[in-house]
C-alpha atoms as a PDB file:
ATOM      1  CA  MET A   1       4.756  -0.246  12.143  1.00  0.00           C
ATOM      2  CA  LYS A   2       2.341   2.345  10.775  1.00  0.00           C
ATOM      3  CA  HIS A   3      -0.953   0.951   9.498  1.00  0.00           C
ATOM      4  CA  ILE A   4      -2.430   2.532   6.361  1.00  0.00           C
ATOM      5  CA  PHE A   5      -5.875   2.034   4.836  1.00  0.00           C
ATOM      6  CA  VAL A   6      -6.111   2.303   1.034  1.00  0.00           C
ATOM      7  CA  VAL A   7      -9.647   2.756  -0.321  1.00  0.00           C
ATOM      8  CA  GLU A   8      -9.439   2.533  -4.125  1.00  0.00           C
ATOM      9  CA  ASP A   9     -11.748   0.685  -6.525  1.00  0.00           C
ATOM     10  CA  HIS A  10      -9.280   0.427  -9.414  1.00  0.00           C
ATOM     11  CA  THR A  11      -7.564  -2.934  -8.878  1.00  0.00           C
ATOM     12  CA  SER A  12      -4.163  -2.198 -10.461  1.00  0.00           C
ATOM     13  CA  ILE A  13      -3.834   1.177  -8.727  1.00  0.00           C
ATOM     14  CA  ARG A  14      -4.892  -0.266  -5.379  1.00  0.00           C
ATOM     15  CA  GLU A  15      -2.454  -3.169  -5.590  1.00  0.00           C
ATOM     16  CA  SER A  16       0.378  -0.941  -6.809  1.00  0.00           C
ATOM     17  CA  ILE A  17      -0.096   1.481  -3.927  1.00  0.00           C
ATOM     18  CA  GLY A  18      -0.266  -1.407  -1.483  1.00  0.00           C
ATOM     19  CA  SER A  19       2.903  -3.005  -2.791  1.00  0.00           C
ATOM     20  CA  TYR A  20       4.927   0.219  -2.623  1.00  0.00           C
ATOM     21  CA  LEU A  21       3.685   0.955   0.886  1.00  0.00           C
ATOM     22  CA  GLU A  22       4.593  -2.524   2.098  1.00  0.00           C
ATOM     23  CA  LEU A  23       8.037  -2.280   0.515  1.00  0.00           C
ATOM     24  CA  SER A  24       8.464   0.994   2.404  1.00  0.00           C
ATOM     25  CA  GLY A  25       7.771  -0.736   5.702  1.00  0.00           C
ATOM     26  CA  TYR A  26       4.086   0.010   6.269  1.00  0.00           C
ATOM     27  CA  SER A  27       1.278  -2.348   7.222  1.00  0.00           C
ATOM     28  CA  VAL A  28      -1.487  -1.997   4.635  1.00  0.00           C
ATOM     29  CA  SER A  29      -5.177  -2.843   4.382  1.00  0.00           C
ATOM     30  CA  LEU A  30      -6.715  -2.589   0.906  1.00  0.00           C
ATOM     31  CA  PHE A  31     -10.397  -1.929   0.243  1.00  0.00           C
ATOM     32  CA  PRO A  32     -12.120  -1.885  -3.173  1.00  0.00           C
ATOM     33  CA  LEU A  33     -15.334  -0.538  -1.634  1.00  0.00           C
ATOM     34  CA  ILE A  34     -16.209   2.188   0.857  1.00  0.00           C
ATOM     35  CA  SER A  35     -18.581  -0.216   2.586  1.00  0.00           C
ATOM     36  CA  GLU A  36     -15.704  -2.610   3.303  1.00  0.00           C
ATOM     37  CA  ALA A  37     -13.624   0.200   4.754  1.00  0.00           C
ATOM     38  CA  GLN A  38     -16.548   1.267   6.951  1.00  0.00           C
ATOM     39  CA  THR A  39     -16.732  -2.249   8.359  1.00  0.00           C
ATOM     40  CA  ALA A  40     -12.984  -2.230   9.063  1.00  0.00           C
ATOM     41  CA  PHE A  41     -13.230   1.072  10.946  1.00  0.00           C
ATOM     42  CA  ALA A  42     -15.478  -0.638  13.463  1.00  0.00           C
ATOM     43  CA  HIS A  43     -12.492  -2.753  14.520  1.00  0.00           C
ATOM     44  CA  THR A  44      -9.334  -0.808  13.611  1.00  0.00           C
ATOM     45  CA  THR A  45      -8.260   2.802  13.304  1.00  0.00           C
ATOM     46  CA  PRO A  46      -5.401   3.364  10.816  1.00  0.00           C
ATOM     47  CA  ASP A  47      -2.527   5.800  11.186  1.00  0.00           C
ATOM     48  CA  LEU A  48      -3.308   7.238   7.753  1.00  0.00           C
ATOM     49  CA  LEU A  49      -5.969   6.873   5.053  1.00  0.00           C
ATOM     50  CA  ILE A  50      -5.408   6.989   1.290  1.00  0.00           C
ATOM     51  CA  GLN A  51      -8.807   7.621  -0.276  1.00  0.00           C
ATOM     52  CA  ASP A  52     -10.039   7.668  -3.867  1.00  0.00           C
ATOM     53  CA  VAL A  53     -12.894  10.106  -4.548  1.00  0.00           C
ATOM     54  CA  MET A  54     -14.943   8.486  -7.303  1.00  0.00           C
ATOM     55  CA  MET A  55     -15.736   5.070  -5.843  1.00  0.00           C
ATOM     56  CA  SER A  56     -18.123   2.524  -7.322  1.00  0.00           C
ATOM     57  CA  ASP A  57     -20.246   2.426  -4.157  1.00  0.00           C
ATOM     58  CA  GLY A  58     -20.108   6.028  -3.053  1.00  0.00           C
ATOM     59  CA  ASP A  59     -18.338   9.370  -2.953  1.00  0.00           C
ATOM     60  CA  GLY A  60     -14.961   9.607  -1.237  1.00  0.00           C
ATOM     61  CA  PHE A  61     -15.573  13.204  -0.181  1.00  0.00           C
ATOM     62  CA  SER A  62     -18.777  12.245   1.630  1.00  0.00           C
ATOM     63  CA  PHE A  63     -17.060   9.287   3.283  1.00  0.00           C
ATOM     64  CA  VAL A  64     -14.211  11.451   4.582  1.00  0.00           C
ATOM     65  CA  LYS A  65     -16.685  14.061   5.814  1.00  0.00           C
ATOM     66  CA  GLN A  66     -18.285  11.362   7.947  1.00  0.00           C
ATOM     67  CA  LEU A  67     -14.922  10.132   9.205  1.00  0.00           C
ATOM     68  CA  ARG A  68     -13.854  13.614  10.251  1.00  0.00           C
ATOM     69  CA  THR A  69     -16.667  13.736  12.808  1.00  0.00           C
ATOM     70  CA  ARG A  70     -14.908  10.928  14.694  1.00  0.00           C
ATOM     71  CA  TYR A  71     -11.255  10.687  13.620  1.00  0.00           C
ATOM     72  CA  ALA A  72      -8.307  13.061  13.237  1.00  0.00           C
ATOM     73  CA  PHE A  73      -5.731  10.815  11.494  1.00  0.00           C
ATOM     74  CA  PRO A  74      -4.046  12.124   8.295  1.00  0.00           C
ATOM     75  CA  ILE A  75      -5.845  11.636   4.967  1.00  0.00           C
ATOM     76  CA  VAL A  76      -4.507  11.717   1.407  1.00  0.00           C
ATOM     77  CA  PHE A  77      -6.925  11.929  -1.517  1.00  0.00           C
ATOM     78  CA  VAL A  78      -5.862  10.190  -4.742  1.00  0.00           C
ATOM     79  CA  THR A  79      -8.207  10.988  -7.604  1.00  0.00           C
ATOM     80  CA  ALA A  80      -8.609  11.867 -11.272  1.00  0.00           C
ATOM     81  CA  ARG A  81     -10.611  14.945 -10.284  1.00  0.00           C
ATOM     82  CA  ASN A  82      -8.125  17.770 -10.814  1.00  0.00           C
ATOM     83  CA  ALA A  83     -10.380  20.844 -10.839  1.00  0.00           C
ATOM     84  CA  GLU A  84      -9.404  23.597  -8.445  1.00  0.00           C
ATOM     85  CA  SER A  85     -12.809  23.343  -6.750  1.00  0.00           C
ATOM     86  CA  ASP A  86     -12.201  19.639  -6.084  1.00  0.00           C
ATOM     87  CA  ARG A  87      -8.781  20.297  -4.566  1.00  0.00           C
ATOM     88  CA  ILE A  88     -10.222  22.996  -2.344  1.00  0.00           C
ATOM     89  CA  MET A  89     -13.061  20.690  -1.325  1.00  0.00           C
ATOM     90  CA  GLY A  90     -10.535  18.033  -0.320  1.00  0.00           C
ATOM     91  CA  PHE A  91      -8.581  20.397   1.901  1.00  0.00           C
ATOM     92  CA  GLU A  92     -11.738  21.895   3.359  1.00  0.00           C
ATOM     93  CA  LEU A  93     -12.699  18.392   4.459  1.00  0.00           C
ATOM     94  CA  GLY A  94      -9.416  18.183   6.354  1.00  0.00           C
ATOM     95  CA  CYS A  95      -7.162  16.170   4.064  1.00  0.00           C
ATOM     96  CA  ASP A  96      -3.393  16.500   4.429  1.00  0.00           C
ATOM     97  CA  ASP A  97      -2.564  16.062   0.754  1.00  0.00           C
ATOM     98  CA  TYR A  98      -4.311  15.744  -2.607  1.00  0.00           C
ATOM     99  CA  LEU A  99      -2.680  13.751  -5.391  1.00  0.00           C
ATOM    100  CA  VAL A 100      -4.081  13.759  -8.937  1.00  0.00           C
ATOM    101  CA  LYS A 101      -3.969  10.640 -11.120  1.00  0.00           C
ATOM    102  CA  PRO A 102      -1.877   9.538 -12.862  1.00  0.00           C
ATOM    103  CA  PHE A 103       0.869   9.803 -10.273  1.00  0.00           C
ATOM    104  CA  SER A 104       4.068   7.995  -9.406  1.00  0.00           C
ATOM    105  CA  PRO A 105       3.709   5.549  -6.490  1.00  0.00           C
ATOM    106  CA  LYS A 106       7.102   6.787  -5.317  1.00  0.00           C
ATOM    107  CA  GLU A 107       5.728  10.324  -5.112  1.00  0.00           C
ATOM    108  CA  LEU A 108       2.859   9.058  -2.982  1.00  0.00           C
ATOM    109  CA  ILE A 109       5.303   7.310  -0.642  1.00  0.00           C
ATOM    110  CA  LEU A 110       7.340  10.498  -0.285  1.00  0.00           C
ATOM    111  CA  ARG A 111       4.219  12.477   0.548  1.00  0.00           C
ATOM    112  CA  VAL A 112       3.112   9.895   3.102  1.00  0.00           C
ATOM    113  CA  GLU A 113       6.535   9.966   4.733  1.00  0.00           C
ATOM    114  CA  ALA A 114       6.459  13.772   4.807  1.00  0.00           C
ATOM    115  CA  ILE A 115       3.067  13.719   6.531  1.00  0.00           C
ATOM    116  CA  PHE A 116       4.285  11.327   9.216  1.00  0.00           C
ATOM    117  CA  ARG A 117       7.382  13.484   9.768  1.00  0.00           C
ATOM    118  CA  ARG A 118       5.249  16.588  10.204  1.00  0.00           C
ATOM    119  CA  VAL A 119       2.621  14.952  12.357  1.00  0.00           C
ATOM    120  CA  GLU A 120       4.732  12.818  14.652  1.00  0.00           C
ATOM    121  CA  GLY A 121       8.282  14.084  14.399  1.00  0.00           C
ATOM    122  CA  VAL A 122       9.623  10.810  12.952  1.00  0.00           C
ATOM    123  CA  GLY A 123      13.379  10.557  13.366  1.00  0.00           C
ATOM    124  CA  LYS A 124      13.590  13.211  16.084  1.00  0.00           C
ATOM    125  CA  GLU A 125      14.670  12.566  19.631  1.00  0.00           C
ATOM    126  CA  GLU A 126      12.644  15.013  21.686  1.00  0.00           C
ATOM    127  CA  GLU A 127      11.544  15.228  25.283  1.00  0.00           C
ATOM    128  CA  ALA A 128       7.867  15.802  25.986  1.00  0.00           C
ATOM    129  CA  SER A 129       7.279  19.537  26.165  1.00  0.00           C
ATOM    130  CA  GLU A 130       4.243  21.366  27.461  1.00  0.00           C
ATOM    131  CA  SER A 131       3.344  25.006  27.493  1.00  0.00           C
ATOM    132  CA  VAL A 132       0.321  26.926  28.673  1.00  0.00           C
ATOM    133  CA  TRP A 133      -1.324  29.936  27.051  1.00  0.00           C
ATOM    134  CA  VAL A 134      -3.930  32.102  28.718  1.00  0.00           C
ATOM    135  CA  LEU A 135      -6.634  34.426  27.471  1.00  0.00           C
ATOM    136  CA  GLY A 136      -8.861  36.004  30.066  1.00  0.00           C
ATOM    137  CA  SER A 137      -9.973  33.227  32.411  1.00  0.00           C
ATOM    138  CA  SER A 138      -9.295  30.430  29.883  1.00  0.00           C
ATOM    139  CA  SER A 139      -6.096  28.416  29.463  1.00  0.00           C
ATOM    140  CA  LEU A 140      -4.846  26.409  26.492  1.00  0.00           C
ATOM    141  CA  LYS A 141      -2.325  23.633  27.225  1.00  0.00           C
ATOM    142  CA  ILE A 142      -0.088  22.386  24.403  1.00  0.00           C
ATOM    143  CA  ASN A 143       1.890  19.139  24.433  1.00  0.00           C
ATOM    144  CA  GLU A 144       4.183  19.409  21.413  1.00  0.00           C
ATOM    145  CA  VAL A 145       5.407  15.840  21.150  1.00  0.00           C
ATOM    146  CA  GLY A 146       2.111  14.236  22.104  1.00  0.00           C
ATOM    147  CA  HIS A 147       0.257  16.553  19.737  1.00  0.00           C
ATOM    148  CA  ALA A 148      -2.307  17.130  22.475  1.00  0.00           C
ATOM    149  CA  VAL A 149      -4.287  20.312  23.011  1.00  0.00           C
ATOM    150  CA  SER A 150      -6.621  20.943  25.936  1.00  0.00           C
ATOM    151  CA  LEU A 151      -8.805  23.933  26.766  1.00  0.00           C
ATOM    152  CA  ASP A 152      -9.544  24.430  30.459  1.00  0.00           C
ATOM    153  CA  GLY A 153      -8.810  20.755  31.058  1.00  0.00           C
ATOM    154  CA  TYR A 154     -10.870  19.410  28.166  1.00  0.00           C
ATOM    155  CA  GLU A 155      -8.877  17.675  25.419  1.00  0.00           C
ATOM    156  CA  LEU A 156      -9.544  18.862  21.870  1.00  0.00           C
ATOM    157  CA  GLU A 157      -9.572  16.664  18.755  1.00  0.00           C
ATOM    158  CA  LEU A 158      -7.623  18.488  16.044  1.00  0.00           C
ATOM    159  CA  THR A 159      -6.840  17.128  12.601  1.00  0.00           C
ATOM    160  CA  ALA A 160      -3.200  17.060  11.509  1.00  0.00           C
ATOM    161  CA  ALA A 161      -3.720  20.155   9.360  1.00  0.00           C
ATOM    162  CA  GLU A 162      -5.469  22.044  12.170  1.00  0.00           C
ATOM    163  CA  TRP A 163      -2.622  21.146  14.534  1.00  0.00           C
ATOM    164  CA  ARG A 164       0.024  22.497  12.166  1.00  0.00           C
ATOM    165  CA  ILE A 165      -1.858  25.753  11.599  1.00  0.00           C
ATOM    166  CA  LEU A 166      -2.472  26.296  15.314  1.00  0.00           C
ATOM    167  CA  MET A 167       1.190  25.613  16.144  1.00  0.00           C
ATOM    168  CA  HIS A 168       2.293  28.005  13.422  1.00  0.00           C
ATOM    169  CA  LEU A 169       0.041  30.758  14.780  1.00  0.00           C
ATOM    170  CA  ILE A 170       1.191  30.103  18.347  1.00  0.00           C
ATOM    171  CA  SER A 171       4.847  30.232  17.321  1.00  0.00           C
ATOM    172  CA  HIS A 172       4.128  33.769  16.039  1.00  0.00           C
ATOM    173  CA  ALA A 173       1.848  34.726  18.933  1.00  0.00           C
ATOM    174  CA  GLY A 174       1.039  38.427  18.956  1.00  0.00           C
ATOM    175  CA  SER A 175       2.107  38.870  15.328  1.00  0.00           C
ATOM    176  CA  VAL A 176      -0.061  38.823  12.234  1.00  0.00           C
ATOM    177  CA  VAL A 177       0.499  35.814   9.951  1.00  0.00           C
ATOM    178  CA  SER A 178      -0.693  35.981   6.349  1.00  0.00           C
ATOM    179  CA  ARG A 179      -2.642  33.226   4.642  1.00  0.00           C
ATOM    180  CA  ALA A 180       0.252  32.794   2.198  1.00  0.00           C
ATOM    181  CA  GLN A 181       2.669  32.206   5.094  1.00  0.00           C
ATOM    182  CA  ILE A 182       0.364  29.603   6.615  1.00  0.00           C
ATOM    183  CA  LEU A 183      -0.020  27.818   3.284  1.00  0.00           C
ATOM    184  CA  GLU A 184       3.717  27.744   2.639  1.00  0.00           C
ATOM    185  CA  SER A 185       4.671  26.655   6.159  1.00  0.00           C
ATOM    186  CA  CYS A 186       1.883  24.166   6.826  1.00  0.00           C
ATOM    187  CA  PHE A 187       0.989  22.819   3.376  1.00  0.00           C
ATOM    188  CA  SER A 188       3.787  23.852   0.988  1.00  0.00           C
ATOM    189  CA  TYR A 189       1.199  25.606  -1.180  1.00  0.00           C
ATOM    190  CA  THR A 190       1.531  29.285  -2.105  1.00  0.00           C
ATOM    191  CA  PHE A 191      -1.288  29.757  -4.629  1.00  0.00           C
ATOM    192  CA  GLU A 192      -3.694  32.573  -3.819  1.00  0.00           C
ATOM    193  CA  SER A 193      -6.634  30.403  -4.871  1.00  0.00           C
ATOM    194  CA  TYR A 194      -5.971  28.184  -1.847  1.00  0.00           C
ATOM    195  CA  ASP A 195      -6.646  30.959   0.663  1.00  0.00           C
ATOM    196  CA  ARG A 196     -10.077  29.450   1.272  1.00  0.00           C
ATOM    197  CA  ILE A 197      -8.384  26.351   2.638  1.00  0.00           C
ATOM    198  CA  VAL A 198      -6.783  28.394   5.420  1.00  0.00           C
ATOM    199  CA  ASP A 199     -10.035  30.209   6.197  1.00  0.00           C
ATOM    200  CA  THR A 200     -11.892  26.910   6.508  1.00  0.00           C
ATOM    201  CA  HIS A 201      -9.290  25.372   8.803  1.00  0.00           C
ATOM    202  CA  ILE A 202      -9.294  28.487  10.983  1.00  0.00           C
ATOM    203  CA  LYS A 203     -13.079  28.280  11.225  1.00  0.00           C
ATOM    204  CA  ASN A 204     -12.804  24.642  12.313  1.00  0.00           C
ATOM    205  CA  ILE A 205     -10.094  25.468  14.874  1.00  0.00           C
ATOM    206  CA  ARG A 206     -12.248  28.222  16.340  1.00  0.00           C
ATOM    207  CA  SER A 207     -15.242  25.925  16.642  1.00  0.00           C
ATOM    208  CA  LYS A 208     -13.129  23.445  18.627  1.00  0.00           C
ATOM    209  CA  ILE A 209     -11.356  25.920  20.890  1.00  0.00           C
ATOM    210  CA  GLY A 210     -14.659  26.961  22.439  1.00  0.00           C
ATOM    211  CA  SER A 211     -17.100  29.778  23.018  1.00  0.00           C
ATOM    212  CA  SER A 212     -14.334  32.392  23.199  1.00  0.00           C
ATOM    213  CA  SER A 213     -12.681  30.995  20.081  1.00  0.00           C
ATOM    214  CA  SER A 214     -12.783  34.159  17.990  1.00  0.00           C
ATOM    215  CA  ALA A 215     -10.693  35.863  20.663  1.00  0.00           C
ATOM    216  CA  TRP A 216      -7.990  33.169  20.640  1.00  0.00           C
ATOM    217  CA  VAL A 217      -7.483  33.515  16.876  1.00  0.00           C
ATOM    218  CA  GLU A 218      -8.142  37.025  15.638  1.00  0.00           C
ATOM    219  CA  THR A 219      -8.835  37.943  12.018  1.00  0.00           C
ATOM    220  CA  VAL A 220      -6.802  40.829  10.663  1.00  0.00           C
ATOM    221  CA  ARG A 221      -8.833  41.922   7.664  1.00  0.00           C
ATOM    222  CA  GLY A 222      -6.985  42.090   4.392  1.00  0.00           C
ATOM    223  CA  TYR A 223      -3.941  40.233   5.723  1.00  0.00           C
ATOM    224  CA  GLY A 224      -4.389  37.120   7.832  1.00  0.00           C
ATOM    225  CA  TYR A 225      -4.676  35.912  11.413  1.00  0.00           C
ATOM    226  CA  LYS A 226      -3.134  36.463  14.844  1.00  0.00           C
ATOM    227  CA  PHE A 227      -3.004  34.234  17.923  1.00  0.00           C
ATOM    228  CA  ALA A 228      -3.980  36.405  20.888  1.00  0.00           C
ATOM    229  CA  GLY A 229      -3.102  34.152  23.818  1.00  0.00           C
ATOM    230  CA  THR A 230      -0.358  35.080  26.324  1.00  0.00           C
ATOM    231  CA  HIS A 231       2.379  32.638  27.205  1.00  0.00           C
ATOM    232  CA  ALA A 232       2.112  31.455  30.797  1.00  0.00           C
ATOM    233  CA  GLN A 233       5.230  29.258  31.044  1.00  0.00           C
ATOM    234  CA  ARG A 234       8.081  29.266  28.549  1.00  0.00           C
ATOM    235  CA  ASP A 235       8.695  29.838  24.880  1.00  0.00           C
ATOM    236  CA  LEU A 236       7.015  27.372  22.589  1.00  0.00           C
ATOM    237  CA  ARG A 237       8.991  26.261  19.583  1.00  0.00           C
ATOM    238  CA  CYS A 238       7.132  25.814  16.316  1.00  0.00           C
ATOM    239  CA  ARG A 239       7.284  22.192  15.212  1.00  0.00           C
ATOM    240  CA  GLN A 240       5.748  21.145  11.929  1.00  0.00           C
END
């Protein structure tokens, strides 16, 4: 059973979200304060976090920024802040979805289910599959089902969004992929104003891949990005 944290200071919204999640088969922990959630993280790591932004004891964006230094689980922001800059901020912090209040609890459930399907392949019967990509003297090992990435033997901690983008680039290795294609395939967003989201995730991926990161993911000015690694084993299928 997937365990979900809900950090929301509005009582009726928090309880409504919790009830719908439980009816959908999830284990839920509800927190009216960021401080209470912080205490819980010392003992338990959830499979997904639903986070309000404007909390009575702090800022949800700042809290998630802190979490992202340690955790890579999926995050959904639920907030009344609907400005484009706020949405972009949420995705730049590594969230997997951003839902503006008021919203239907059923819509939230559908989005949560979609995230789990993308991240973990829920409902698919797949055998563990690994492939290796090389660039110069470095090698990048990908375990598709385990969602594990290692560079020269060192495991990397990628967020769900970073994983999807990297897999999409790898599935088109050697070809240029536009920002619009990445948005549509990895986030289901096609708005030009969200291009910054892709750029930020690429920057984060590069910082994690290592010192030769800019070579692994090349920037093609005016169009998008290209994965430059060479396949060392067999074809890697793109799984999102």
